[in-house]
C-alpha atoms as a PDB file:
ATOM      1  CA  MET A   1      -0.128   0.230  -0.158  1.00  0.00           C
ATOM      2  CA  SER A   2       1.301   3.422  -0.953  1.00  0.00           C
ATOM      3  CA  MET A   3       2.171   5.808   1.535  1.00  0.00           C
ATOM      4  CA  LYS A   4       0.196   8.726   1.762  1.00  0.00           C
ATOM      5  CA  LYS A   5       2.491  11.982   2.211  1.00  0.00           C
ATOM      6  CA  TRP A   6       0.847  14.512   4.681  1.00  0.00           C
ATOM      7  CA  VAL A   7       0.397  17.984   3.598  1.00  0.00           C
ATOM      8  CA  LEU A   8       1.072  19.863   6.556  1.00  0.00           C
ATOM      9  CA  SER A   9      -0.266  23.448   7.601  1.00  0.00           C
ATOM     10  CA  LEU A  10       2.275  25.801   9.281  1.00  0.00           C
ATOM     11  CA  THR A  11      -0.556  27.944  11.251  1.00  0.00           C
ATOM     12  CA  ALA A  12       0.380  27.318  14.750  1.00  0.00           C
ATOM     13  CA  VAL A  13      -1.797  28.997  17.192  1.00  0.00           C
ATOM     14  CA  THR A  14       0.840  31.122  19.037  1.00  0.00           C
ATOM     15  CA  LEU A  15       1.123  34.401  21.143  1.00  0.00           C
ATOM     16  CA  LEU A  16       1.048  37.410  18.497  1.00  0.00           C
ATOM     17  CA  TRP A  17       3.244  40.342  19.972  1.00  0.00           C
ATOM     18  CA  GLY A  18       1.685  43.543  18.991  1.00  0.00           C
ATOM     19  CA  GLY A  19       1.286  47.248  20.482  1.00  0.00           C
ATOM     20  CA  ALA A  20       2.902  46.889  24.014  1.00  0.00           C
ATOM     21  CA  SER A  21       2.207  43.203  24.471  1.00  0.00           C
ATOM     22  CA  THR A  22       4.962  41.374  26.335  1.00  0.00           C
ATOM     23  CA  ILE A  23       5.235  37.467  26.781  1.00  0.00           C
ATOM     24  CA  PRO A  24       3.264  36.450  29.793  1.00  0.00           C
ATOM     25  CA  MET A  25       5.754  35.707  32.797  1.00  0.00           C
ATOM     26  CA  THR A  26       4.005  32.564  33.855  1.00  0.00           C
ATOM     27  CA  GLU A  27       4.554  31.148  30.141  1.00  0.00           C
ATOM     28  CA  ALA A  28       7.911  32.041  28.909  1.00  0.00           C
ATOM     29  CA  ALA A  29       9.604  32.175  32.577  1.00  0.00           C
ATOM     30  CA  SER A  30       9.094  28.834  33.522  1.00  0.00           C
ATOM     31  CA  SER A  31      11.786  26.990  32.141  1.00  0.00           C
ATOM     32  CA  THR A  32      15.135  27.351  31.703  1.00  0.00           C
ATOM     33  CA  LYS A  33      15.593  26.635  28.286  1.00  0.00           C
ATOM     34  CA  PRO A  34      17.396  28.957  26.683  1.00  0.00           C
ATOM     35  CA  ILE A  35      15.417  31.024  24.165  1.00  0.00           C
ATOM     36  CA  GLU A  36      15.953  30.997  20.269  1.00  0.00           C
ATOM     37  CA  VAL A  37      15.413  33.012  17.705  1.00  0.00           C
ATOM     38  CA  LEU A  38      14.308  31.702  14.080  1.00  0.00           C
ATOM     39  CA  LEU A  39      14.298  33.868  11.223  1.00  0.00           C
ATOM     40  CA  ASN A  40      12.127  32.225   8.441  1.00  0.00           C
ATOM     41  CA  ALA A  41      12.419  29.080  10.075  1.00  0.00           C
ATOM     42  CA  LYS A  42      15.942  28.823  10.653  1.00  0.00           C
ATOM     43  CA  LYS A  43      17.620  29.423  13.895  1.00  0.00           C
ATOM     44  CA  ILE A  44      20.027  32.691  14.054  1.00  0.00           C
ATOM     45  CA  GLN A  45      23.247  31.386  15.828  1.00  0.00           C
ATOM     46  CA  PHE A  46      24.626  33.679  18.761  1.00  0.00           C
ATOM     47  CA  PRO A  47      28.068  33.229  18.706  1.00  0.00           C
ATOM     48  CA  ASP A  48      28.567  34.783  22.512  1.00  0.00           C
ATOM     49  CA  ALA A  49      25.870  36.689  24.070  1.00  0.00           C
ATOM     50  CA  LYS A  50      22.479  35.041  24.246  1.00  0.00           C
ATOM     51  CA  PRO A  51      18.979  35.897  24.302  1.00  0.00           C
ATOM     52  CA  PHE A  52      17.381  36.298  27.561  1.00  0.00           C
ATOM     53  CA  GLN A  53      14.081  37.369  29.143  1.00  0.00           C
ATOM     54  CA  ASP A  54      14.673  40.217  31.359  1.00  0.00           C
ATOM     55  CA  ASP A  55      12.511  41.273  35.008  1.00  0.00           C
ATOM     56  CA  ASN A  56       9.521  42.840  32.831  1.00  0.00           C
ATOM     57  CA  ASP A  57       9.301  39.523  30.885  1.00  0.00           C
ATOM     58  CA  TYR A  58      10.550  40.875  27.444  1.00  0.00           C
ATOM     59  CA  VAL A  59      13.019  38.878  25.282  1.00  0.00           C
ATOM     60  CA  MET A  60      16.232  40.770  24.950  1.00  0.00           C
ATOM     61  CA  VAL A  61      18.418  40.170  21.978  1.00  0.00           C
ATOM     62  CA  PRO A  62      21.972  41.472  20.765  1.00  0.00           C
ATOM     63  CA  ILE A  63      20.943  43.924  18.570  1.00  0.00           C
ATOM     64  CA  ARG A  64      23.805  42.968  15.792  1.00  0.00           C
ATOM     65  CA  PHE A  65      23.161  39.475  15.300  1.00  0.00           C
ATOM     66  CA  VAL A  66      19.576  39.971  14.739  1.00  0.00           C
ATOM     67  CA  SER A  67      19.735  43.059  13.162  1.00  0.00           C
ATOM     68  CA  GLU A  68      22.293  42.096  10.439  1.00  0.00           C
ATOM     69  CA  ALA A  69      20.305  38.392   9.908  1.00  0.00           C
ATOM     70  CA  LEU A  70      17.558  41.001   9.004  1.00  0.00           C
ATOM     71  CA  GLY A  71      19.551  42.806   6.371  1.00  0.00           C
ATOM     72  CA  ALA A  72      20.129  46.082   8.471  1.00  0.00           C
ATOM     73  CA  LYS A  73      22.814  47.775   9.235  1.00  0.00           C
ATOM     74  CA  VAL A  74      23.414  48.821  12.870  1.00  0.00           C
ATOM     75  CA  GLY A  75      25.767  51.892  14.016  1.00  0.00           C
ATOM     76  CA  TRP A  76      26.744  53.210  17.161  1.00  0.00           C
ATOM     77  CA  GLU A  77      27.366  56.885  18.320  1.00  0.00           C
ATOM     78  CA  LYS A  78      28.377  57.930  21.464  1.00  0.00           C
ATOM     79  CA  THR A  79      27.360  61.761  22.428  1.00  0.00           C
ATOM     80  CA  GLY A  80      27.214  63.208  25.838  1.00  0.00           C
ATOM     81  CA  GLY A  81      28.281  60.147  27.713  1.00  0.00           C
ATOM     82  CA  GLN A  82      25.345  58.332  25.762  1.00  0.00           C
ATOM     83  CA  LEU A  83      25.459  55.429  23.674  1.00  0.00           C
ATOM     84  CA  ALA A  84      23.024  56.179  20.791  1.00  0.00           C
ATOM     85  CA  VAL A  85      22.265  53.156  18.436  1.00  0.00           C
ATOM     86  CA  SER A  86      20.553  53.123  14.829  1.00  0.00           C
ATOM     87  CA  ILE A  87      19.329  50.370  12.908  1.00  0.00           C
ATOM     88  CA  ASN A  88      18.461  50.964   9.433  1.00  0.00           C
ATOM     89  CA  ASN A  89      17.245  48.643   6.472  1.00  0.00           C
ATOM     90  CA  ASP A  90      15.788  49.978   2.935  1.00  0.00           C
ATOM     91  CA  ALA A  91      12.274  50.483   4.311  1.00  0.00           C
ATOM     92  CA  HIS A  92      12.891  51.312   7.952  1.00  0.00           C
ATOM     93  CA  ALA A  93      14.936  53.200  10.390  1.00  0.00           C
ATOM     94  CA  VAL A  94      14.950  52.620  14.500  1.00  0.00           C
ATOM     95  CA  ASN A  95      17.207  55.044  16.656  1.00  0.00           C
ATOM     96  CA  MET A  96      17.673  54.192  20.395  1.00  0.00           C
ATOM     97  CA  THR A  97      19.601  55.239  23.275  1.00  0.00           C
ATOM     98  CA  VAL A  98      21.168  52.643  26.178  1.00  0.00           C
ATOM     99  CA  GLY A  99      19.597  53.444  29.123  1.00  0.00           C
ATOM    100  CA  GLN A 100      16.309  54.502  27.814  1.00  0.00           C
ATOM    101  CA  ASN A 101      13.126  52.811  27.206  1.00  0.00           C
ATOM    102  CA  THR A 102      12.007  54.913  24.204  1.00  0.00           C
ATOM    103  CA  ALA A 103      12.885  54.540  20.397  1.00  0.00           C
ATOM    104  CA  THR A 104      12.362  56.027  17.634  1.00  0.00           C
ATOM    105  CA  VAL A 105      10.685  54.024  14.572  1.00  0.00           C
ATOM    106  CA  ASP A 106      10.437  55.826  11.304  1.00  0.00           C
ATOM    107  CA  GLY A 107       9.769  58.904  12.645  1.00  0.00           C
ATOM    108  CA  GLN A 108       7.613  58.206  15.880  1.00  0.00           C
ATOM    109  CA  THR A 109       8.527  57.983  19.222  1.00  0.00           C
ATOM    110  CA  LYS A 110       7.447  54.357  20.804  1.00  0.00           C
ATOM    111  CA  THR A 111       7.636  53.648  24.670  1.00  0.00           C
ATOM    112  CA  TYR A 112       8.785  50.052  26.032  1.00  0.00           C
ATOM    113  CA  GLU A 113       8.490  48.639  29.477  1.00  0.00           C
ATOM    114  CA  THR A 114      12.181  47.930  29.717  1.00  0.00           C
ATOM    115  CA  LYS A 115      15.389  49.756  28.725  1.00  0.00           C
ATOM    116  CA  ILE A 116      17.898  49.160  26.262  1.00  0.00           C
ATOM    117  CA  ILE A 117      20.977  47.737  28.050  1.00  0.00           C
ATOM    118  CA  LEU A 118      24.675  47.011  27.782  1.00  0.00           C
ATOM    119  CA  LYS A 119      25.421  43.287  28.824  1.00  0.00           C
ATOM    120  CA  GLN A 120      28.386  41.019  28.130  1.00  0.00           C
ATOM    121  CA  ASN A 121      29.651  44.147  25.981  1.00  0.00           C
ATOM    122  CA  ARG A 122      26.832  43.440  23.745  1.00  0.00           C
ATOM    123  CA  THR A 123      23.824  46.088  23.087  1.00  0.00           C
ATOM    124  CA  PHE A 124      20.704  44.075  24.151  1.00  0.00           C
ATOM    125  CA  VAL A 125      17.109  45.710  22.656  1.00  0.00           C
ATOM    126  CA  PRO A 126      13.603  44.001  23.288  1.00  0.00           C
ATOM    127  CA  LEU A 127      13.104  41.628  20.333  1.00  0.00           C
ATOM    128  CA  ARG A 128       9.828  43.192  19.526  1.00  0.00           C
ATOM    129  CA  LEU A 129      11.200  46.703  19.243  1.00  0.00           C
ATOM    130  CA  VAL A 130      13.909  45.393  16.331  1.00  0.00           C
ATOM    131  CA  SER A 131      11.107  43.278  14.297  1.00  0.00           C
ATOM    132  CA  GLU A 132       8.454  45.713  14.525  1.00  0.00           C
ATOM    133  CA  GLY A 133      10.752  48.937  13.333  1.00  0.00           C
ATOM    134  CA  LEU A 134      12.124  46.487  10.884  1.00  0.00           C
ATOM    135  CA  GLY A 135       8.694  45.424   9.474  1.00  0.00           C
ATOM    136  CA  GLN A 136       8.731  41.752  10.626  1.00  0.00           C
ATOM    137  CA  THR A 137       6.350  39.614  12.109  1.00  0.00           C
ATOM    138  CA  VAL A 138       6.871  37.930  15.225  1.00  0.00           C
ATOM    139  CA  GLU A 139       5.172  35.106  17.123  1.00  0.00           C
ATOM    140  CA  TRP A 140       6.049  33.580  20.731  1.00  0.00           C
ATOM    141  CA  ASP A 141       6.089  29.785  20.607  1.00  0.00           C
ATOM    142  CA  LYS A 142       5.450  29.127  24.512  1.00  0.00           C
ATOM    143  CA  ILE A 143       6.232  25.234  23.793  1.00  0.00           C
ATOM    144  CA  SER A 144       9.842  25.333  22.203  1.00  0.00           C
ATOM    145  CA  ARG A 145      10.633  28.904  23.793  1.00  0.00           C
ATOM    146  CA  TRP A 146      11.405  30.061  20.255  1.00  0.00           C
ATOM    147  CA  VAL A 147      10.803  33.235  18.906  1.00  0.00           C
ATOM    148  CA  TRP A 148       9.708  33.160  15.212  1.00  0.00           C
ATOM    149  CA  ILE A 149      10.217  35.687  13.114  1.00  0.00           C
ATOM    150  CA  GLY A 150       8.893  36.190   9.246  1.00  0.00           C
ATOM    151  CA  LYS A 151       8.036  33.084   7.451  1.00  0.00           C
ATOM    152  CA  LYS A 152       7.066  29.774   9.033  1.00  0.00           C
ATOM    153  CA  GLU A 153       7.659  27.377   6.490  1.00  0.00           C
ATOM    154  CA  ILE A 154       9.861  24.964   7.704  1.00  0.00           C
ATOM    155  CA  ALA A 155      12.248  23.609   5.111  1.00  0.00           C
ATOM    156  CA  ALA A 156      12.360  19.696   3.621  1.00  0.00           C
ATOM    157  CA  LEU A 157      15.619  18.049   5.104  1.00  0.00           C
ATOM    158  CA  GLU A 158      17.147  17.684   1.989  1.00  0.00           C
ATOM    159  CA  ASP A 159      16.845  21.434   1.099  1.00  0.00           C
ATOM    160  CA  THR A 160      18.678  22.659   4.143  1.00  0.00           C
ATOM    161  CA  GLY A 161      22.089  21.450   2.628  1.00  0.00           C
ATOM    162  CA  HIS A 162      22.744  18.274   3.425  1.00  0.00           C
ATOM    163  CA  GLN A 163      23.409  15.671   1.084  1.00  0.00           C
ATOM    164  CA  ALA A 164      22.001  11.807   1.323  1.00  0.00           C
ATOM    165  CA  VAL A 165      24.886   9.258   1.070  1.00  0.00           C
ATOM    166  CA  SER A 166      25.463   5.877   0.559  1.00  0.00           C
ATOM    167  CA  ILE A 167      23.571   3.345   2.947  1.00  0.00           C
ATOM    168  CA  GLU A 168      26.484   0.713   2.907  1.00  0.00           C
ATOM    169  CA  PRO A 169      28.632   2.395   5.895  1.00  0.00           C
ATOM    170  CA  TYR A 170      26.093   1.976   8.048  1.00  0.00           C
ATOM    171  CA  LYS A 171      24.619  -1.229   7.026  1.00  0.00           C
ATOM    172  CA  LYS A 172      25.929  -3.210   9.384  1.00  0.00           C
ATOM    173  CA  ALA A 173      24.176  -1.603  12.447  1.00  0.00           C
ATOM    174  CA  PHE A 174      20.681  -2.968  10.566  1.00  0.00           C
ATOM    175  CA  THR A 175      21.886  -6.956  10.411  1.00  0.00           C
ATOM    176  CA  THR A 176      19.282  -7.596  13.001  1.00  0.00           C
ATOM    177  CA  LYS A 177      16.454  -4.989  11.991  1.00  0.00           C
ATOM    178  CA  SER A 178      17.019  -5.314   8.157  1.00  0.00           C
ATOM    179  CA  TYR A 179      12.810  -4.414   7.953  1.00  0.00           C
ATOM    180  CA  LEU A 180      13.875  -0.688   8.369  1.00  0.00           C
ATOM    181  CA  LEU A 181      15.808  -0.895   5.355  1.00  0.00           C
ATOM    182  CA  GLU A 182      12.805  -0.735   3.326  1.00  0.00           C
ATOM    183  CA  ASN A 183       9.614   2.357   3.269  1.00  0.00           C
ATOM    184  CA  ALA A 184       6.364   1.284   3.308  1.00  0.00           C
ATOM    185  CA  ASP A 185       6.200   0.509  -0.073  1.00  0.00           C
ATOM    186  CA  GLY A 186       8.759  -2.321   0.344  1.00  0.00           C
ATOM    187  CA  GLU A 187      11.640  -0.300  -1.665  1.00  0.00           C
ATOM    188  CA  LYS A 188      14.827  -0.630  -0.155  1.00  0.00           C
ATOM    189  CA  TYR A 189      16.581   2.088   1.188  1.00  0.00           C
ATOM    190  CA  SER A 190      20.067   3.006  -0.668  1.00  0.00           C
ATOM    191  CA  LYS A 191      21.015   6.103   1.227  1.00  0.00           C
ATOM    192  CA  VAL A 192      21.203   7.718   4.663  1.00  0.00           C
ATOM    193  CA  LEU A 193      20.668  11.522   5.335  1.00  0.00           C
ATOM    194  CA  ILE A 194      22.870  12.574   8.526  1.00  0.00           C
ATOM    195  CA  PHE A 195      21.801  15.651  10.343  1.00  0.00           C
ATOM    196  CA  LYS A 196      22.429  17.502  13.576  1.00  0.00           C
ATOM    197  CA  SER A 197      19.997  18.892  16.272  1.00  0.00           C
ATOM    198  CA  SER A 198      20.784  22.216  15.688  1.00  0.00           C
ATOM    199  CA  ASP A 199      19.782  21.902  12.117  1.00  0.00           C
ATOM    200  CA  LEU A 200      15.671  21.507  13.590  1.00  0.00           C
ATOM    201  CA  PRO A 201      13.307  22.241  12.929  1.00  0.00           C
ATOM    202  CA  VAL A 202      12.749  20.236   9.464  1.00  0.00           C
ATOM    203  CA  ARG A 203      10.283  18.537   7.249  1.00  0.00           C
ATOM    204  CA  LEU A 204      10.011  14.824   6.792  1.00  0.00           C
ATOM    205  CA  LEU A 205       6.718  13.389   6.154  1.00  0.00           C
ATOM    206  CA  ARG A 206       6.102  15.306   9.670  1.00  0.00           C
ATOM    207  CA  ASP A 207       7.639  18.204  10.622  1.00  0.00           C
ATOM    208  CA  LEU A 208      10.290  17.790  13.254  1.00  0.00           C
ATOM    209  CA  TYR A 209      10.497  20.590  15.773  1.00  0.00           C
ATOM    210  CA  SER A 210      12.570  19.316  18.298  1.00  0.00           C
ATOM    211  CA  ILE A 211      13.940  16.274  19.846  1.00  0.00           C
ATOM    212  CA  GLU A 212      16.558  16.168  23.328  1.00  0.00           C
ATOM    213  CA  PRO A 213      16.971  14.382  26.108  1.00  0.00           C
ATOM    214  CA  TYR A 214      14.614  14.848  28.954  1.00  0.00           C
ATOM    215  CA  THR A 215      14.774  13.619  32.809  1.00  0.00           C
ATOM    216  CA  ASN A 216      11.658  13.837  35.138  1.00  0.00           C
ATOM    217  CA  ASP A 217      11.479  14.151  38.825  1.00  0.00           C
ATOM    218  CA  LYS A 218      11.788  10.438  39.096  1.00  0.00           C
ATOM    219  CA  GLY A 219      15.093  10.588  37.609  1.00  0.00           C
ATOM    220  CA  THR A 220      14.011   8.570  34.164  1.00  0.00           C
ATOM    221  CA  THR A 221      15.226   9.916  30.932  1.00  0.00           C
ATOM    222  CA  TYR A 222      13.620  10.014  27.958  1.00  0.00           C
ATOM    223  CA  MET A 223      14.108  11.666  24.375  1.00  0.00           C
ATOM    224  CA  LYS A 224      11.599  14.436  24.031  1.00  0.00           C
ATOM    225  CA  MET A 225      10.081  15.155  20.768  1.00  0.00           C
ATOM    226  CA  ARG A 226       7.856  17.660  19.172  1.00  0.00           C
ATOM    227  CA  VAL A 227       6.395  16.916  16.154  1.00  0.00           C
ATOM    228  CA  ARG A 228       3.580  17.883  13.918  1.00  0.00           C
ATOM    229  CA  THR A 229       1.772  15.101  12.739  1.00  0.00           C
ATOM    230  CA  THR A 230      -2.080  14.191  12.731  1.00  0.00           C
ATOM    231  CA  SER A 231      -1.669  10.720  13.603  1.00  0.00           C
ATOM    232  CA  SER A 232       0.905   8.871  15.499  1.00  0.00           C
ATOM    233  CA  ALA A 233       4.739   9.854  15.015  1.00  0.00           C
ATOM    234  CA  GLY A 234       5.597   6.200  14.980  1.00  0.00           C
ATOM    235  CA  GLY A 235       8.734   4.751  16.387  1.00  0.00           C
ATOM    236  CA  ILE A 236      12.300   5.703  16.454  1.00  0.00           C
ATOM    237  CA  PHE A 237      15.582   3.980  16.880  1.00  0.00           C
ATOM    238  CA  TYR A 238      18.805   4.452  18.485  1.00  0.00           C
ATOM    239  CA  ILE A 239      21.983   2.989  16.546  1.00  0.00           C
ATOM    240  CA  THR A 240      24.533   2.231  19.559  1.00  0.00           C
ATOM    241  CA  ASN A 241      28.252   3.002  19.435  1.00  0.00           C
ATOM    242  CA  ASN A 242      28.583  -0.852  19.003  1.00  0.00           C
ATOM    243  CA  ASN A 243      26.143  -0.762  15.826  1.00  0.00           C
ATOM    244  CA  GLU A 244      23.363  -2.353  17.468  1.00  0.00           C
ATOM    245  CA  ILE A 245      19.779  -1.049  17.048  1.00  0.00           C
ATOM    246  CA  ARG A 246      17.415  -0.718  19.863  1.00  0.00           C
ATOM    247  CA  TYR A 247      14.042   0.216  18.420  1.00  0.00           C
ATOM    248  CA  ARG A 248      11.562   2.625  20.627  1.00  0.00           C
ATOM    249  CA  TYR A 249       7.726   3.598  20.643  1.00  0.00           C
ATOM    250  CA  PRO A 250       6.386   6.723  22.457  1.00  0.00           C
ATOM    251  CA  VAL A 251       5.115   6.364  25.897  1.00  0.00           C
ATOM    252  CA  PRO A 252       1.184   6.676  25.276  1.00  0.00           C
ATOM    253  CA  ASP A 253       0.370   7.957  28.462  1.00  0.00           C
ATOM    254  CA  LEU A 254       2.790  10.823  28.136  1.00  0.00           C
ATOM    255  CA  THR A 255       2.060  12.006  24.950  1.00  0.00           C
ATOM    256  CA  SER A 256       0.632  15.399  24.975  1.00  0.00           C
ATOM    257  CA  ASN A 257      -1.218  17.908  22.385  1.00  0.00           C
ATOM    258  CA  ASN A 258       0.221  21.041  22.724  1.00  0.00           C
ATOM    259  CA  GLY A 259      -3.144  22.847  20.731  1.00  0.00           C
ATOM    260  CA  ASP A 260      -1.324  23.978  17.803  1.00  0.00           C
ATOM    261  CA  GLY A 261      -0.942  20.683  15.812  1.00  0.00           C
ATOM    262  CA  THR A 262       1.661  19.672  17.332  1.00  0.00           C
ATOM    263  CA  LYS A 263       2.495  16.553  19.996  1.00  0.00           C
ATOM    264  CA  THR A 264       5.114  16.181  22.314  1.00  0.00           C
ATOM    265  CA  LEU A 265       6.236  12.563  22.464  1.00  0.00           C
ATOM    266  CA  TYR A 266       8.523  10.754  25.061  1.00  0.00           C
ATOM    267  CA  TYR A 267      10.419   7.854  24.083  1.00  0.00           C
ATOM    268  CA  PRO A 268      12.289   5.858  26.730  1.00  0.00           C
ATOM    269  CA  ILE A 269      16.149   5.352  26.615  1.00  0.00           C
ATOM    270  CA  TYR A 270      16.266   2.043  27.766  1.00  0.00           C
ATOM    271  CA  SER A 271      13.242  -0.625  27.279  1.00  0.00           C
ATOM    272  CA  SER A 272      12.586  -4.160  28.523  1.00  0.00           C
ATOM    273  CA  ARG A 273      11.348  -4.781  24.796  1.00  0.00           C
ATOM    274  CA  ASP A 274      15.305  -5.001  24.444  1.00  0.00           C
ATOM    275  CA  GLU A 275      15.360  -8.064  26.773  1.00  0.00           C
ATOM    276  CA  LEU A 276      12.031  -9.506  25.169  1.00  0.00           C
ATOM    277  CA  PHE A 277      12.828  -9.334  21.470  1.00  0.00           C
ATOM    278  CA  ASP A 278      16.927  -8.747  21.299  1.00  0.00           C
ATOM    279  CA  LYS A 279      17.944 -10.973  24.559  1.00  0.00           C
ATOM    280  CA  VAL A 280      19.522  -8.066  26.243  1.00  0.00           C
ATOM    281  CA  LYS A 281      19.807  -8.964  29.923  1.00  0.00           C
ATOM    282  CA  ASN A 282      21.317  -5.715  31.368  1.00  0.00           C
ATOM    283  CA  TYR A 283      18.952  -3.459  29.228  1.00  0.00           C
ATOM    284  CA  LYS A 284      18.747  -1.044  32.029  1.00  0.00           C
ATOM    285  CA  SER A 285      22.184   0.011  31.913  1.00  0.00           C
ATOM    286  CA  PHE A 286      21.629   1.738  28.352  1.00  0.00           C
ATOM    287  CA  LYS A 287      22.258   5.203  28.777  1.00  0.00           C
ATOM    288  CA  ILE A 288      22.250   8.368  26.241  1.00  0.00           C
ATOM    289  CA  ASN A 289      26.259   8.407  25.960  1.00  0.00           C
ATOM    290  CA  ASP A 290      25.293   5.016  24.187  1.00  0.00           C
ATOM    291  CA  ILE A 291      23.713   5.857  21.422  1.00  0.00           C
ATOM    292  CA  LYS A 292      25.343   6.967  18.032  1.00  0.00           C
ATOM    293  CA  TYR A 293      22.244   8.117  16.188  1.00  0.00           C
ATOM    294  CA  ILE A 294      18.608   8.393  16.465  1.00  0.00           C
ATOM    295  CA  GLY A 295      16.756   7.084  13.612  1.00  0.00           C
ATOM    296  CA  PHE A 296      13.391   8.135  12.262  1.00  0.00           C
ATOM    297  CA  ASP A 297      11.385   4.906  11.081  1.00  0.00           C
ATOM    298  CA  GLY A 298       9.397   5.669   8.238  1.00  0.00           C
ATOM    299  CA  TRP A 299       9.682   9.263   8.082  1.00  0.00           C
ATOM    300  CA  SER A 300      11.171   9.676   4.428  1.00  0.00           C
ATOM    301  CA  ASP A 301      10.518   7.033   1.841  1.00  0.00           C
ATOM    302  CA  LYS A 302      13.591   8.184  -0.208  1.00  0.00           C
ATOM    303  CA  TYR A 303      16.263   7.803   2.846  1.00  0.00           C
ATOM    304  CA  ILE A 304      16.738   7.024   6.319  1.00  0.00           C
ATOM    305  CA  PRO A 305      17.153  10.103   8.373  1.00  0.00           C
ATOM    306  CA  LEU A 306      19.577   9.677  10.986  1.00  0.00           C
ATOM    307  CA  MET A 307      20.353  12.459  13.632  1.00  0.00           C
ATOM    308  CA  VAL A 308      23.722  12.726  15.672  1.00  0.00           C
ATOM    309  CA  ASN A 309      23.189  11.866  19.073  1.00  0.00           C
ATOM    310  CA  SER A 310      25.459  15.186  20.687  1.00  0.00           C
END
């Protein structure tokens, strides 16, 4: 039977920033997880100073990196003991002064509930000020603690600069799980595509937002995955450092619907199925550090996606 590709929409229900609104403290600050900023669905890399949330619930960003990613020029000028900052692109101009909570956006003065500051030798400003001043749409994704700027069209994994390579060097790991070498149509995979968690989000047959280790208050560790799908996300598998495969299904009782078309799933690290199906007696000793790749079963009909565990 042919595999049907999902037609996915990216109309996530998120909190739109507008006017003088801020991120609610109870939603955004409840986690210590770092804030990520995505421009047109690709993460902006901050080499040193990272975005953070200040005491007034604003996401603060180092102005240079975000503005330059948006195609704007940033200028600094010190006058009268104060540092003035300007951001300009072809259509907009923003001017502000460090230590103040007002800015001039296209000639109009706007007031914010937080001040432009210097931190780690970087000028930090409210993200909303930069994005609104440069004509961008901004959405806060409280689930992943992401700020989306611009388009939310997630790119296909093969369109992110990664190339599928021959499966031959990886075939040994599939010796006892040869069924994973076929797609849903019974066709043999000839290629794998290697990627990293830093490449996320990406589009496969389901949109993969994130996958990361998660330890609950009982000390049990899982792979926590956020995915956009209208059905079950299915199984994943771990390729161990010893080239063995450990197959995993999500724990049904832990799966949650996020209310925006995405689901959060929890895949166990160790499982009694290893003893049941693979005769692994010490299965409870299996740790995250024993995992070399995380594979996604049936997530592509062209290749096997393998994420480096790092």
